[in-house]
Amino acid sequence: MSLTFHWFLPTSGDSRHVVGGGHGTPVNAAGGDRPPTVDYLGQIARAAEHVGFAGALTPTGAWCEDAWLTTAMIARHTERLKFLVAFRPGLISPTLAAQMATTYQRQTGGRLLLNVVTGGESREQRAYGDTLDKDARYARTDEFLGVVRGLWRGGTVDHAGEHLRIERARLTRLPEPVPRIYFGGSSAAAGPVAARHADVYLTWGEPPAQVAEKIAWVRGLAEAEGRRLRFGVRLHVITRDTSEQAWAEAGRLLSGFGAEEVAAAQRTLRLSESEGQRRMLDLHGGTRDNLEIHPGLWAGIGLVRGGAGTALVGSHDEVAGLVEEYRAVGVEEFVLSGYPHLEEAYWFGENVLPRLAARGLWSRPGHPAPEPAAAPAVPVGAR
């Protein structure tokens, strides 16, 4: 089966250096010397579409622009690219979310994917008027997605749960196609919700062995529900013509982190309620020592950025090999990013994707996967 690759739209700003922000970081951490205008984000989206990415993730949070509005505007500047819109169930009615998704599909020709983010930080949720604790938020997400799925099936939905009450809800039009639901979460409360409702379970970029354990956990829960999920991983990437050039770029990014900046970011991130964020922090321990936590997997970005904090680093062949390592443990979808996002989309798309295509692991969206290259013929008598 062909692997699926998505890129990232930096709606908090972009730069040639690592931009703060991400899960669990302060609102004022966002920034960068390339503002997230529709024009600039449109350039990134067109680049991603041009080189063969299937979609682009747009984040959610107080530190970035709204994903629904931003991608709706950018969609007019692209033709095929899908938009993986992140949103939080606690901040919107399930009926309205189902209706918005229907409208989005109709107006874009079916280019919406949904990244459901329960919300890992109570302090940020309270800023939006949401006072539930973390476990209760997951329980509400469970109810929310049950209502949304029921509406997308075309039924009239009545729901009286602990957190949501819906009466005689029905859509006049249904989404075509029904958007895939992407869902992440490493806590005990997250797994059952993913098993019941997700189409794709996403994890941040831990080493392959740890990702394999998480996949086995969620796969088992899904099988108990009679469901089968796809699995994806969220990573940054630094790929260059040689390994030395790639690691030099990683070193350049690392040199931009001051000691005070790292310490301040780590203090804030250590307050996070997210189990996934805790696992990211444990990969590097808040220090610059031993940041290569698996061959070619670098945890340096997580020193100053919340959420996804690891990067694939190496030559194009080495990065393609790392992709294969994740595929071997069950990963089928990759959500990637790099600084700056415009240039890095070309580095990966023009150099790594063709190598994966040659191995029969990827095909450009809308095209069949090529057969793996045959071994070169050996002249008679040359053995």
Protein backbone atom coordinates (compact mmCIF):
# COMPACT_ATOMS: atom_id res chain seq x y z
CA MET A 1 0.00 0.00 0.00
CA SER A 2 1.31 3.45 -0.95
CA LEU A 3 2.32 5.69 1.95
CA THR A 4 0.58 9.05 2.38
CA PHE A 5 2.50 12.27 3.05
CA HIS A 6 1.12 15.55 4.37
CA TRP A 7 2.91 18.85 4.89
CA PHE A 8 2.28 21.58 7.51
CA LEU A 9 1.00 25.15 7.26
CA PRO A 10 2.75 27.36 9.88
CA THR A 11 -0.17 29.58 10.84
CA SER A 12 1.78 31.13 13.71
CA GLY A 13 4.51 32.38 11.39
CA ASP A 14 7.55 30.92 9.68
CA SER A 15 11.29 31.51 9.63
CA ARG A 16 14.70 30.09 8.76
CA HIS A 17 14.93 29.39 12.50
CA VAL A 18 12.67 27.31 14.73
CA VAL A 19 9.50 29.23 15.54
CA GLY A 20 8.06 28.81 19.02
CA GLY A 21 4.49 27.73 19.58
CA GLY A 22 2.99 24.31 19.33
CA HIS A 23 1.15 22.33 21.96
CA GLY A 24 1.37 23.66 25.52
CA THR A 25 3.36 26.82 24.75
CA PRO A 26 2.41 30.40 25.66
CA VAL A 27 0.42 32.52 23.23
CA ASN A 28 3.31 34.96 22.82
CA ALA A 29 5.69 32.16 21.82
CA ALA A 30 4.45 32.28 18.23
CA GLY A 31 6.14 34.49 15.69
CA GLY A 32 8.75 34.42 12.97
CA ASP A 33 9.96 36.80 10.30
CA ARG A 34 7.52 35.43 7.71
CA PRO A 35 4.00 36.37 8.84
CA PRO A 36 1.26 33.78 8.21
CA THR A 37 -0.51 35.72 5.49
CA VAL A 38 -2.83 34.03 3.02
CA ASP A 39 -0.33 34.89 0.30
CA TYR A 40 2.62 33.21 2.04
CA LEU A 41 0.67 30.21 3.32
CA GLY A 42 -0.72 29.87 -0.20
CA GLN A 43 2.84 29.64 -1.54
CA ILE A 44 3.55 26.78 0.88
CA ALA A 45 0.31 25.03 -0.03
CA ARG A 46 1.02 25.30 -3.76
CA ALA A 47 4.56 24.02 -3.23
CA ALA A 48 3.29 21.05 -1.24
CA GLU A 49 0.72 20.30 -3.92
CA HIS A 50 3.30 20.65 -6.70
CA VAL A 51 5.79 18.16 -5.23
CA GLY A 52 3.18 15.54 -4.36
CA PHE A 53 1.99 15.92 -0.78
CA ALA A 54 -1.59 14.72 -0.32
CA GLY A 55 -2.60 17.26 2.31
CA ALA A 56 -1.46 19.89 4.77
CA LEU A 57 -2.06 20.07 8.52
CA THR A 58 -3.18 23.37 9.98
CA PRO A 59 -2.90 23.55 13.80
CA THR A 60 -5.28 24.86 16.42
CA GLY A 61 -4.65 26.92 19.53
CA ALA A 62 -4.46 30.44 20.89
CA TRP A 63 -0.94 30.77 19.45
CA CYS A 64 -1.94 30.45 15.77
CA GLU A 65 -4.54 31.58 13.26
CA ASP A 66 -7.88 29.80 13.08
CA ALA A 67 -7.59 26.68 10.94
CA TRP A 68 -11.10 26.63 9.44
CA LEU A 69 -10.97 30.20 8.18
CA THR A 70 -7.37 30.13 7.02
CA THR A 71 -7.64 26.94 4.98
CA ALA A 72 -10.97 27.99 3.48
CA MET A 73 -9.20 31.03 2.05
CA ILE A 74 -6.12 29.10 0.91
CA ALA A 75 -8.22 26.42 -0.79
CA ARG A 76 -9.00 28.87 -3.59
CA HIS A 77 -5.28 29.02 -4.39
CA THR A 78 -4.86 25.25 -4.80
CA GLU A 79 -6.51 22.54 -6.88
CA ARG A 80 -5.91 19.12 -5.30
CA LEU A 81 -4.29 19.55 -1.88
CA LYS A 82 -6.42 18.44 1.07
CA PHE A 83 -6.50 20.38 4.32
CA LEU A 84 -6.13 18.58 7.63
CA VAL A 85 -8.00 21.09 9.80
CA ALA A 86 -7.34 20.83 13.54
CA PHE A 87 -10.15 21.86 15.87
CA ARG A 88 -11.35 21.31 19.44
CA PRO A 89 -14.70 19.63 20.03
CA GLY A 90 -15.34 21.50 23.30
CA LEU A 91 -15.46 24.85 21.53
CA ILE A 92 -18.10 24.10 18.92
CA SER A 93 -21.45 22.31 18.68
CA PRO A 94 -21.22 18.83 17.09
CA THR A 95 -24.16 19.68 14.83
CA LEU A 96 -22.48 22.87 13.64
CA ALA A 97 -19.17 21.04 13.13
CA ALA A 98 -20.91 18.37 11.02
CA GLN A 99 -22.62 21.10 8.99
CA MET A 100 -19.36 23.06 8.52
CA ALA A 101 -17.62 19.93 7.30
CA THR A 102 -20.42 19.34 4.79
CA THR A 103 -20.14 22.89 3.47
CA TYR A 104 -16.36 22.63 3.28
CA GLN A 105 -16.54 19.42 1.26
CA ARG A 106 -19.05 20.86 -1.15
CA GLN A 107 -17.16 24.13 -1.70
CA THR A 108 -13.71 22.54 -2.08
CA GLY A 109 -14.61 19.41 -3.99
CA GLY A 110 -14.05 17.09 -1.03
CA ARG A 111 -10.69 18.33 0.24
CA LEU A 112 -11.33 18.36 4.01
CA LEU A 113 -9.69 16.10 6.59
CA LEU A 114 -10.31 16.65 10.31
CA ASN A 115 -7.76 16.54 13.12
CA VAL A 116 -9.75 16.29 16.34
CA VAL A 117 -7.80 17.84 19.24
CA THR A 118 -9.40 17.22 22.62
CA GLY A 119 -7.25 19.86 24.32
CA GLY A 120 -4.42 18.93 26.67
CA GLU A 121 -4.13 22.14 28.70
CA SER A 122 -6.84 23.16 31.15
CA ARG A 123 -5.51 26.71 31.45
CA GLU A 124 -5.86 27.30 27.72
CA GLN A 125 -9.27 25.62 27.58
CA ARG A 126 -10.52 27.92 30.37
CA ALA A 127 -9.52 30.92 28.26
CA TYR A 128 -12.13 29.70 25.76
CA GLY A 129 -14.74 29.12 28.47
CA ASP A 130 -14.19 25.36 28.81
CA THR A 131 -13.88 24.33 32.47
CA LEU A 132 -13.80 20.52 32.15
CA ASP A 133 -10.75 18.58 33.29
CA LYS A 134 -8.72 16.45 30.92
CA ASP A 135 -10.52 13.11 31.39
CA ALA A 136 -13.90 14.82 31.11
CA ARG A 137 -12.79 16.49 27.88
CA TYR A 138 -12.03 13.08 26.38
CA ALA A 139 -15.43 11.80 27.52
CA ARG A 140 -17.06 14.80 25.85
CA THR A 141 -15.07 14.18 22.66
CA ASP A 142 -16.41 10.61 22.67
CA GLU A 143 -19.99 11.94 22.79
CA PHE A 144 -19.22 14.68 20.26
CA LEU A 145 -17.85 12.30 17.63
CA GLY A 146 -20.73 9.90 18.17
CA VAL A 147 -23.16 12.70 17.34
CA VAL A 148 -21.14 13.85 14.31
CA ARG A 149 -20.88 10.30 12.93
CA GLY A 150 -24.63 9.83 13.40
CA LEU A 151 -25.38 13.03 11.49
CA TRP A 152 -23.04 12.07 8.66
CA ARG A 153 -24.90 8.78 8.30
CA GLY A 154 -28.00 10.80 7.45
CA GLY A 155 -30.02 10.05 10.55
CA THR A 156 -31.89 12.23 13.02
CA VAL A 157 -29.82 12.36 16.19
CA ASP A 158 -31.03 12.65 19.75
CA HIS A 159 -28.34 12.48 22.40
CA ALA A 160 -28.56 12.97 26.14
CA GLY A 161 -25.11 12.43 27.60
CA GLU A 162 -23.13 13.64 30.56
CA HIS A 163 -21.66 16.55 28.59
CA LEU A 164 -23.83 17.05 25.49
CA ARG A 165 -27.55 17.23 24.91
CA ILE A 166 -28.77 17.22 21.30
CA GLU A 167 -32.41 17.08 20.20
CA ARG A 168 -33.73 16.21 16.72
CA ALA A 169 -30.51 17.14 14.92
CA ARG A 170 -30.36 16.41 11.21
CA LEU A 171 -28.35 17.65 8.23
CA THR A 172 -30.10 18.78 5.07
CA ARG A 173 -27.01 17.75 3.06
CA LEU A 174 -24.34 15.15 3.76
CA PRO A 175 -20.58 15.55 3.18
CA GLU A 176 -19.20 13.91 0.06
CA PRO A 177 -16.96 12.26 0.87
CA VAL A 178 -17.23 11.94 4.64
CA PRO A 179 -14.00 13.52 6.01
CA ARG A 180 -11.45 11.21 7.54
CA ILE A 181 -10.98 11.81 11.25
CA TYR A 182 -7.40 12.02 12.54
CA PHE A 183 -6.97 11.71 16.29
CA GLY A 184 -4.05 11.60 18.71
CA GLY A 185 -3.51 11.10 22.41
CA SER A 186 -1.20 9.03 24.57
CA SER A 187 -3.17 8.93 27.81
CA ALA A 188 -5.38 6.08 29.01
CA ALA A 189 -8.44 8.25 28.36
CA ALA A 190 -7.46 8.88 24.74
CA GLY A 191 -7.06 5.32 23.50
CA PRO A 192 -10.70 4.16 23.71
CA VAL A 193 -11.93 7.34 22.01
CA ALA A 194 -9.49 6.81 19.14
CA ALA A 195 -10.54 3.17 18.88
CA ARG A 196 -14.23 4.06 18.54
CA HIS A 197 -14.06 7.06 16.24
CA ALA A 198 -10.71 7.69 14.51
CA ASP A 199 -9.89 6.74 10.95
CA VAL A 200 -6.22 7.59 11.46
CA TYR A 201 -4.45 7.55 14.82
CA LEU A 202 -1.60 10.09 14.97
CA THR A 203 1.40 10.09 17.28
CA TRP A 204 4.28 12.49 17.64
CA GLY A 205 7.65 11.26 16.41
CA GLU A 206 9.00 8.98 19.10
CA PRO A 207 11.61 6.37 18.11
CA PRO A 208 10.16 3.55 15.98
CA ALA A 209 10.15 1.00 18.82
CA GLN A 210 8.05 3.31 21.01
CA VAL A 211 5.74 4.10 18.12
CA ALA A 212 5.30 0.36 17.59
CA GLU A 213 4.18 -0.05 21.21
CA LYS A 214 1.64 2.74 20.87
CA ILE A 215 0.30 1.33 17.59
CA ALA A 216 -0.11 -2.10 19.18
CA TRP A 217 -2.03 -0.53 22.08
CA VAL A 218 -4.49 1.41 19.89
CA ARG A 219 -4.82 -1.39 17.34
CA GLY A 220 -5.86 -3.78 20.10
CA LEU A 221 -8.48 -1.34 21.39
CA ALA A 222 -9.81 -0.79 17.87
CA GLU A 223 -10.05 -4.53 17.17
CA ALA A 224 -12.13 -4.90 20.34
CA GLU A 225 -14.51 -2.35 18.80
CA GLY A 226 -14.57 -4.26 15.52
CA ARG A 227 -12.67 -1.49 13.74
CA ARG A 228 -9.43 -1.17 11.80
CA LEU A 229 -7.44 2.08 11.87
CA ARG A 230 -4.60 3.58 9.88
CA PHE A 231 -1.64 5.00 11.77
CA GLY A 232 0.35 8.16 11.21
CA VAL A 233 3.31 10.02 12.71
CA ARG A 234 3.98 13.76 13.03
CA LEU A 235 7.64 14.73 12.44
CA HIS A 236 9.90 17.52 11.27
CA VAL A 237 12.46 16.75 8.57
CA ILE A 238 15.91 18.01 7.54
CA THR A 239 17.03 16.27 4.34
CA ARG A 240 20.03 17.28 2.24
CA ASP A 241 22.27 15.89 -0.50
CA THR A 242 24.67 14.54 2.13
CA SER A 243 24.35 13.52 5.75
CA GLU A 244 26.96 16.11 6.72
CA GLN A 245 24.94 18.92 5.17
CA ALA A 246 21.78 17.79 6.95
CA TRP A 247 23.43 17.62 10.38
CA ALA A 248 25.08 20.99 9.77
CA GLU A 249 21.60 22.41 9.22
CA ALA A 250 20.40 20.80 12.46
CA GLY A 251 23.37 22.38 14.20
CA ARG A 252 22.52 25.77 12.72
CA LEU A 253 18.97 25.54 14.07
CA LEU A 254 20.26 24.46 17.47
CA SER A 255 22.68 27.39 17.59
CA GLY A 256 19.68 29.71 17.45
CA PHE A 257 18.39 28.52 20.83
CA GLY A 258 19.73 30.59 23.72
CA ALA A 259 20.10 28.94 27.13
CA GLU A 260 17.47 31.23 28.66
CA GLU A 261 15.07 30.55 25.80
CA VAL A 262 15.42 26.80 26.26
CA ALA A 263 15.02 27.03 30.04
CA ALA A 264 11.89 29.19 29.74
CA ALA A 265 10.32 26.89 27.17
CA GLN A 266 11.06 23.80 29.23
CA ARG A 267 9.58 25.33 32.38
CA THR A 268 6.35 26.03 30.52
CA LEU A 269 6.21 22.67 28.77
CA ARG A 270 6.79 20.80 32.05
CA LEU A 271 3.46 22.23 33.25
CA SER A 272 1.62 20.46 30.43
CA GLU A 273 -1.11 17.94 31.30
CA SER A 274 -0.49 16.10 28.04
CA GLU A 275 0.97 12.61 28.29
CA GLY A 276 2.23 12.95 24.72
CA GLN A 277 4.05 16.16 25.62
CA ARG A 278 5.62 14.48 28.65
CA ARG A 279 6.89 11.69 26.40
CA MET A 280 8.37 14.28 24.02
CA LEU A 281 10.19 16.01 26.88
CA ASP A 282 11.56 12.73 28.19
CA LEU A 283 13.29 12.14 24.87
CA HIS A 284 15.82 14.93 25.48
CA GLY A 285 15.51 15.72 29.20
CA GLY A 286 15.77 19.45 28.55
CA THR A 287 19.48 19.34 27.67
CA ARG A 288 21.50 19.62 24.46
CA ASP A 289 23.28 16.33 25.20
CA ASN A 290 22.50 13.20 23.19
CA LEU A 291 19.81 14.77 21.01
CA GLU A 292 20.11 12.00 18.41
CA ILE A 293 17.75 9.63 20.22
CA HIS A 294 17.68 7.03 17.43
CA PRO A 295 19.89 6.91 14.35
CA GLY A 296 18.77 9.89 12.27
CA LEU A 297 16.05 11.00 14.73
CA TRP A 298 16.89 14.34 16.36
CA ALA A 299 15.06 15.78 19.38
CA GLY A 300 16.51 19.29 19.24
CA ILE A 301 13.38 21.07 18.08
CA GLY A 302 11.53 19.93 21.20
CA LEU A 303 13.86 22.07 23.32
CA VAL A 304 11.89 25.18 22.38
CA ARG A 305 8.74 23.96 20.61
CA GLY A 306 5.76 22.20 22.09
CA GLY A 307 4.08 19.25 20.44
CA ALA A 308 6.05 17.59 17.66
CA GLY A 309 9.67 17.98 18.72
CA THR A 310 11.66 15.48 16.67
CA ALA A 311 13.08 15.55 13.16
CA LEU A 312 14.31 13.05 10.60
CA VAL A 313 17.84 14.19 9.74
CA GLY A 314 20.16 12.85 7.06
CA SER A 315 20.85 12.44 3.38
CA HIS A 316 17.90 11.81 1.11
CA ASP A 317 18.62 8.09 1.11
CA GLU A 318 18.97 8.04 4.90
CA VAL A 319 15.69 9.89 5.41
CA ALA A 320 13.96 7.51 3.00
CA GLY A 321 15.37 4.66 5.07
CA LEU A 322 13.96 6.17 8.27
CA VAL A 323 10.56 6.45 6.61
CA GLU A 324 10.82 2.74 5.85
CA GLU A 325 11.63 2.03 9.50
CA TYR A 326 8.39 3.69 10.57
CA ARG A 327 6.50 1.89 7.83
CA ALA A 328 7.84 -1.42 9.15
CA VAL A 329 6.18 -0.81 12.54
CA GLY A 330 2.81 0.08 10.99
CA VAL A 331 2.94 3.78 10.07
CA GLU A 332 1.12 4.55 6.81
CA GLU A 333 0.79 8.34 6.96
CA PHE A 334 3.40 11.02 7.66
CA VAL A 335 2.67 14.62 8.63
CA LEU A 336 5.92 16.51 8.08
CA SER A 337 7.29 20.02 8.46
CA GLY A 338 10.59 21.91 8.34
CA TYR A 339 12.04 25.40 8.71
CA PRO A 340 11.33 27.29 6.60
CA HIS A 341 8.29 25.39 5.38
CA LEU A 342 8.37 26.69 1.81
CA GLU A 343 11.93 25.60 1.04
CA GLU A 344 11.81 22.39 3.07
CA ALA A 345 8.71 21.20 1.20
CA TYR A 346 10.85 21.20 -1.96
CA TRP A 347 13.83 19.52 -0.28
CA PHE A 348 11.69 16.56 0.79
CA GLY A 349 9.29 16.49 -2.14
CA GLU A 350 11.92 16.70 -4.88
CA ASN A 351 14.45 14.36 -3.28
CA VAL A 352 12.91 11.87 -0.84
CA LEU A 353 9.52 11.22 -2.43
CA PRO A 354 11.08 10.07 -5.76
CA ARG A 355 13.32 7.66 -3.85
CA LEU A 356 10.29 6.22 -2.06
CA ALA A 357 8.46 5.99 -5.39
CA ALA A 358 11.36 4.04 -6.86
CA ARG A 359 11.02 1.58 -3.97
CA GLY A 360 7.30 1.18 -4.66
CA LEU A 361 6.35 2.86 -1.36
CA TRP A 362 4.77 6.05 -2.67
CA SER A 363 2.87 7.30 -5.67
CA ARG A 364 1.79 10.81 -6.53
CA PRO A 365 -1.87 11.31 -5.50
CA GLY A 366 -4.10 10.18 -8.35
CA HIS A 367 -1.43 7.94 -9.89
CA PRO A 368 -0.77 4.22 -9.33
CA ALA A 369 2.31 3.24 -7.36
CA PRO A 370 5.23 2.23 -9.61
CA GLU A 371 6.63 -1.23 -9.39
CA PRO A 372 9.94 -1.50 -7.50
CA ALA A 373 12.92 -1.20 -9.80
CA ALA A 374 14.19 -4.54 -11.05
CA ALA A 375 17.72 -5.61 -10.22
CA PRO A 376 20.16 -4.74 -13.03
CA ALA A 377 20.88 -7.55 -15.47
CA VAL A 378 24.20 -9.35 -14.99
CA PRO A 379 26.10 -10.02 -18.24
CA VAL A 380 26.66 -13.66 -19.09
CA GLY A 381 29.98 -14.84 -17.72
CA ALA A 382 30.24 -11.99 -15.25
CA ARG A 383 29.12 -14.00 -12.21
